Every structure is written in C-alpha cells, then in structure tokens.
C-alpha cells in the first residue's frame, strides 16, 4: 500500500514538471526544511548529549555547561520554525 502512495506522489510531481510548474510547492519546501533541520539536530544531539552527560557524571563540567551543550542543537529547529512562520 505504501508503494502505491509513493508511486502516486512521484507521478504527481512528474505531471507538475511536465506542465511547467514547480515539482514541490512552498509548503512542501517548508516541511522539508523543518524535517531536515529536525533530523540534523537529532543526529547532533546523539553525540553531544552523551558526551555532556558523561562529562557531568565524571564531574568534569558543571550542570549549566552540560545543559547548554545539550540544548544548543535544538536551537536549529527553533530557528527553522520561526523562519517557517515568518514566511
């Protein structure tokens, strides 16, 4: 069933391209941007969060620094959402 929906999505995009229109609309581009930013932030969070918590457990850094290191990648998603709503 998923293959059928995916095929229909590709056919719709091909029809739009053949008619001279854009293959992806403005809302589709915005959704893609938010999704990719979320994926990138999650991927960065994976390594940074583990390292920050490990350093915090060994008392190498303070809680505030660990919190900043853990929250920093999430600002990418927040800035992307702000950009989305300002569009």
N, C-alpha and C. Protein backbone atom coordinates (compact mmCIF):
# COMPACT_ATOMS: atom_id res chain seq x y z
N UNK A 1 0.82 -1.19 0.00
CA UNK A 1 0.00 0.00 0.00
C UNK A 1 0.87 1.26 0.00
N UNK A 2 2.00 1.21 0.72
CA UNK A 2 2.88 2.38 0.76
C UNK A 2 3.52 2.60 -0.60
N UNK A 3 3.86 1.51 -1.28
CA UNK A 3 4.46 1.63 -2.61
C UNK A 3 3.54 2.33 -3.59
N UNK A 4 2.23 2.05 -3.47
CA UNK A 4 1.25 2.69 -4.35
C UNK A 4 1.18 4.19 -4.09
N UNK A 5 1.19 4.59 -2.82
CA UNK A 5 1.15 6.01 -2.49
C UNK A 5 2.43 6.72 -2.94
N UNK A 6 3.57 6.05 -2.79
CA UNK A 6 4.83 6.64 -3.22
C UNK A 6 4.86 6.81 -4.73
N UNK A 7 4.35 5.82 -5.44
CA UNK A 7 4.27 5.91 -6.90
C UNK A 7 3.36 7.06 -7.32
N UNK A 8 2.24 7.21 -6.63
CA UNK A 8 1.31 8.30 -6.95
C UNK A 8 1.96 9.65 -6.69
N UNK A 9 2.77 9.76 -5.64
CA UNK A 9 3.46 11.02 -5.35
C UNK A 9 4.46 11.36 -6.44
N UNK A 10 5.20 10.36 -6.92
CA UNK A 10 6.16 10.62 -8.00
C UNK A 10 5.45 10.98 -9.30
N UNK A 11 4.33 10.34 -9.57
CA UNK A 11 3.59 10.65 -10.79
C UNK A 11 3.05 12.07 -10.73
N UNK A 12 2.53 12.48 -9.57
CA UNK A 12 2.05 13.86 -9.42
C UNK A 12 3.17 14.86 -9.66
N UNK A 13 4.35 14.59 -9.12
CA UNK A 13 5.48 15.50 -9.31
C UNK A 13 5.90 15.55 -10.77
N UNK A 14 5.87 14.41 -11.44
CA UNK A 14 6.25 14.38 -12.86
C UNK A 14 5.24 15.15 -13.71
N UNK A 15 3.96 15.03 -13.38
CA UNK A 15 2.93 15.77 -14.12
C UNK A 15 3.13 17.27 -13.94
N UNK A 16 3.42 17.70 -12.71
CA UNK A 16 3.66 19.12 -12.47
C UNK A 16 4.87 19.62 -13.24
N UNK A 17 5.93 18.81 -13.30
CA UNK A 17 7.11 19.22 -14.05
C UNK A 17 6.83 19.31 -15.55
N UNK A 18 6.04 18.37 -16.06
CA UNK A 18 5.72 18.39 -17.48
C UNK A 18 4.84 19.58 -17.85
N UNK A 19 4.04 20.05 -16.91
CA UNK A 19 3.18 21.19 -17.17
C UNK A 19 3.90 22.52 -16.95
N UNK A 20 5.15 22.46 -16.54
CA UNK A 20 5.93 23.68 -16.35
C UNK A 20 5.82 24.27 -14.96
N UNK A 21 5.18 23.58 -14.05
CA UNK A 21 5.04 24.07 -12.69
C UNK A 21 6.16 23.55 -11.80
N UNK A 22 6.20 24.03 -10.57
CA UNK A 22 7.23 23.55 -9.65
C UNK A 22 6.93 22.12 -9.20
N UNK A 23 7.97 21.35 -8.96
CA UNK A 23 7.79 19.97 -8.52
C UNK A 23 7.37 19.90 -7.06
N UNK A 24 7.73 20.92 -6.30
CA UNK A 24 7.38 20.94 -4.89
C UNK A 24 6.90 22.36 -4.56
N UNK A 25 5.80 22.44 -3.84
CA UNK A 25 5.20 23.73 -3.55
C UNK A 25 5.89 24.40 -2.37
N UNK A 26 5.46 25.60 -2.05
CA UNK A 26 6.05 26.35 -0.94
C UNK A 26 5.88 25.66 0.40
N UNK A 27 4.71 25.08 0.64
CA UNK A 27 4.51 24.38 1.90
C UNK A 27 5.32 23.09 1.95
N UNK A 28 5.51 22.47 0.81
CA UNK A 28 6.34 21.27 0.76
C UNK A 28 7.80 21.59 1.05
N UNK A 29 8.27 22.71 0.53
CA UNK A 29 9.65 23.13 0.80
C UNK A 29 9.82 23.46 2.28
N UNK A 30 8.83 24.13 2.86
CA UNK A 30 8.90 24.47 4.28
C UNK A 30 8.89 23.21 5.14
N UNK A 31 8.06 22.25 4.78
CA UNK A 31 8.02 21.00 5.54
C UNK A 31 9.34 20.24 5.41
N UNK A 32 9.92 20.26 4.23
CA UNK A 32 11.21 19.60 4.02
C UNK A 32 12.30 20.27 4.84
N UNK A 33 12.28 21.60 4.90
CA UNK A 33 13.29 22.33 5.68
C UNK A 33 13.18 22.02 7.16
N UNK A 34 11.97 22.01 7.69
CA UNK A 34 11.78 21.71 9.11
C UNK A 34 12.17 20.26 9.40
N UNK A 35 11.80 19.35 8.52
CA UNK A 35 12.14 17.95 8.73
C UNK A 35 13.63 17.70 8.70
N UNK A 36 14.32 18.30 7.74
CA UNK A 36 15.77 18.12 7.67
C UNK A 36 16.49 18.78 8.84
N UNK A 37 15.99 19.93 9.29
CA UNK A 37 16.59 20.58 10.45
C UNK A 37 16.39 19.73 11.70
N UNK A 38 15.20 19.15 11.84
CA UNK A 38 14.95 18.27 12.98
C UNK A 38 15.81 17.02 12.94
N UNK A 39 15.99 16.46 11.76
CA UNK A 39 16.84 15.28 11.62
C UNK A 39 18.29 15.62 11.96
N UNK A 40 18.77 16.75 11.47
CA UNK A 40 20.15 17.17 11.76
C UNK A 40 20.37 17.46 13.23
N UNK A 41 19.39 18.11 13.86
CA UNK A 41 19.51 18.41 15.29
C UNK A 41 19.49 17.13 16.11
N UNK A 42 18.65 16.19 15.74
CA UNK A 42 18.61 14.91 16.45
C UNK A 42 19.90 14.13 16.29
N UNK A 43 20.48 14.19 15.10
CA UNK A 43 21.74 13.49 14.85
C UNK A 43 22.87 14.13 15.66
N UNK A 44 22.88 15.46 15.75
CA UNK A 44 23.90 16.15 16.54
C UNK A 44 23.69 15.91 18.03
N UNK A 45 22.44 15.86 18.43
CA UNK A 45 22.10 15.66 19.85
C UNK A 45 22.58 14.30 20.34
N UNK A 46 22.60 13.34 19.45
CA UNK A 46 23.01 11.98 19.81
C UNK A 46 24.41 11.96 20.41
N UNK A 47 25.35 12.58 19.76
CA UNK A 47 26.72 12.56 20.25
C UNK A 47 26.99 13.59 21.34
N UNK A 48 26.43 14.78 21.17
CA UNK A 48 26.69 15.85 22.12
C UNK A 48 26.07 15.55 23.47
N UNK A 49 24.84 15.05 23.46
CA UNK A 49 24.16 14.74 24.72
C UNK A 49 24.87 13.66 25.51
N UNK A 50 25.31 12.61 24.82
CA UNK A 50 26.01 11.52 25.50
C UNK A 50 27.33 12.01 26.09
N UNK A 51 28.05 12.83 25.35
CA UNK A 51 29.33 13.35 25.85
C UNK A 51 29.12 14.30 27.03
N UNK A 52 28.10 15.14 26.95
CA UNK A 52 27.84 16.09 28.03
C UNK A 52 27.42 15.37 29.31
N UNK A 53 26.58 14.37 29.19
CA UNK A 53 26.14 13.62 30.37
C UNK A 53 27.29 12.81 30.95
N UNK A 54 28.14 12.25 30.08
CA UNK A 54 29.32 11.52 30.57
C UNK A 54 30.28 12.43 31.32
N UNK A 55 30.52 13.62 30.80
CA UNK A 55 31.40 14.57 31.47
C UNK A 55 30.78 15.06 32.77
N UNK A 56 29.47 15.21 32.78
CA UNK A 56 28.77 15.62 34.00
C UNK A 56 28.86 14.54 35.07
N UNK A 57 28.77 13.28 34.65
CA UNK A 57 28.86 12.17 35.61
C UNK A 57 30.26 12.08 36.22
N UNK A 58 31.27 12.46 35.47
CA UNK A 58 32.64 12.42 35.98
C UNK A 58 33.04 13.72 36.67
N UNK A 59 32.12 14.65 36.82
CA UNK A 59 32.35 15.96 37.44
C UNK A 59 33.41 16.78 36.71
N UNK A 60 33.50 16.61 35.39
CA UNK A 60 34.45 17.40 34.60
C UNK A 60 33.88 18.77 34.27
N UNK A 61 32.56 18.86 34.12
CA UNK A 61 31.92 20.13 33.79
C UNK A 61 30.74 20.34 34.72
N UNK A 62 30.26 21.58 34.77
CA UNK A 62 29.11 21.88 35.62
C UNK A 62 27.81 21.54 34.90
N UNK A 63 26.72 21.56 35.65
CA UNK A 63 25.41 21.24 35.08
C UNK A 63 24.99 22.27 34.04
N UNK A 64 25.31 23.53 34.27
CA UNK A 64 24.93 24.59 33.33
C UNK A 64 25.57 24.41 31.97
N UNK A 65 26.84 24.06 31.96
CA UNK A 65 27.54 23.83 30.68
C UNK A 65 26.96 22.61 29.98
N UNK A 66 26.68 21.55 30.75
CA UNK A 66 26.08 20.35 30.15
C UNK A 66 24.71 20.66 29.56
N UNK A 67 23.95 21.49 30.25
CA UNK A 67 22.62 21.86 29.75
C UNK A 67 22.73 22.68 28.47
N UNK A 68 23.65 23.62 28.43
CA UNK A 68 23.83 24.44 27.22
C UNK A 68 24.27 23.56 26.05
N UNK A 69 25.20 22.64 26.28
CA UNK A 69 25.66 21.76 25.21
C UNK A 69 24.54 20.86 24.71
N UNK A 70 23.65 20.46 25.59
CA UNK A 70 22.56 19.57 25.20
C UNK A 70 21.46 20.34 24.46
N UNK A 71 21.20 21.57 24.84
CA UNK A 71 20.11 22.35 24.25
C UNK A 71 20.53 23.05 22.96
N UNK A 72 21.81 23.28 22.77
CA UNK A 72 22.31 24.04 21.63
C UNK A 72 21.84 23.51 20.27
N UNK A 73 21.88 22.20 20.00
CA UNK A 73 21.40 21.74 18.68
C UNK A 73 19.91 21.99 18.45
N UNK A 74 19.13 22.07 19.50
CA UNK A 74 17.69 22.28 19.35
C UNK A 74 17.37 23.68 18.87
N UNK A 75 18.29 24.62 19.03
CA UNK A 75 18.03 25.97 18.54
C UNK A 75 17.92 26.01 17.02
N UNK A 76 18.55 25.04 16.35
CA UNK A 76 18.44 24.97 14.90
C UNK A 76 16.98 24.76 14.50
N UNK A 77 16.31 23.84 15.19
CA UNK A 77 14.91 23.55 14.88
C UNK A 77 14.04 24.75 15.24
N UNK A 78 14.32 25.40 16.35
CA UNK A 78 13.52 26.56 16.74
C UNK A 78 13.67 27.70 15.72
N UNK A 79 14.88 27.94 15.26
CA UNK A 79 15.08 28.99 14.25
C UNK A 79 14.41 28.62 12.94
N UNK A 80 14.40 27.34 12.60
CA UNK A 80 13.72 26.90 11.38
C UNK A 80 12.21 27.11 11.51
N UNK A 81 11.66 26.81 12.67
CA UNK A 81 10.22 27.03 12.87
C UNK A 81 9.87 28.51 12.83
N UNK A 82 10.73 29.35 13.38
CA UNK A 82 10.49 30.80 13.30
C UNK A 82 10.51 31.26 11.85
N UNK A 83 11.47 30.76 11.09
CA UNK A 83 11.54 31.09 9.67
C UNK A 83 10.30 30.62 8.93
N UNK A 84 9.81 29.44 9.30
CA UNK A 84 8.62 28.89 8.67
C UNK A 84 7.41 29.79 8.91
N UNK A 85 7.24 30.27 10.13
CA UNK A 85 6.08 31.08 10.44
C UNK A 85 6.21 32.51 9.91
N UNK A 86 7.42 32.97 9.64
CA UNK A 86 7.61 34.30 9.07
C UNK A 86 7.46 34.31 7.55
N UNK A 87 7.37 33.14 6.96
CA UNK A 87 7.29 33.02 5.50
C UNK A 87 6.02 33.61 4.97
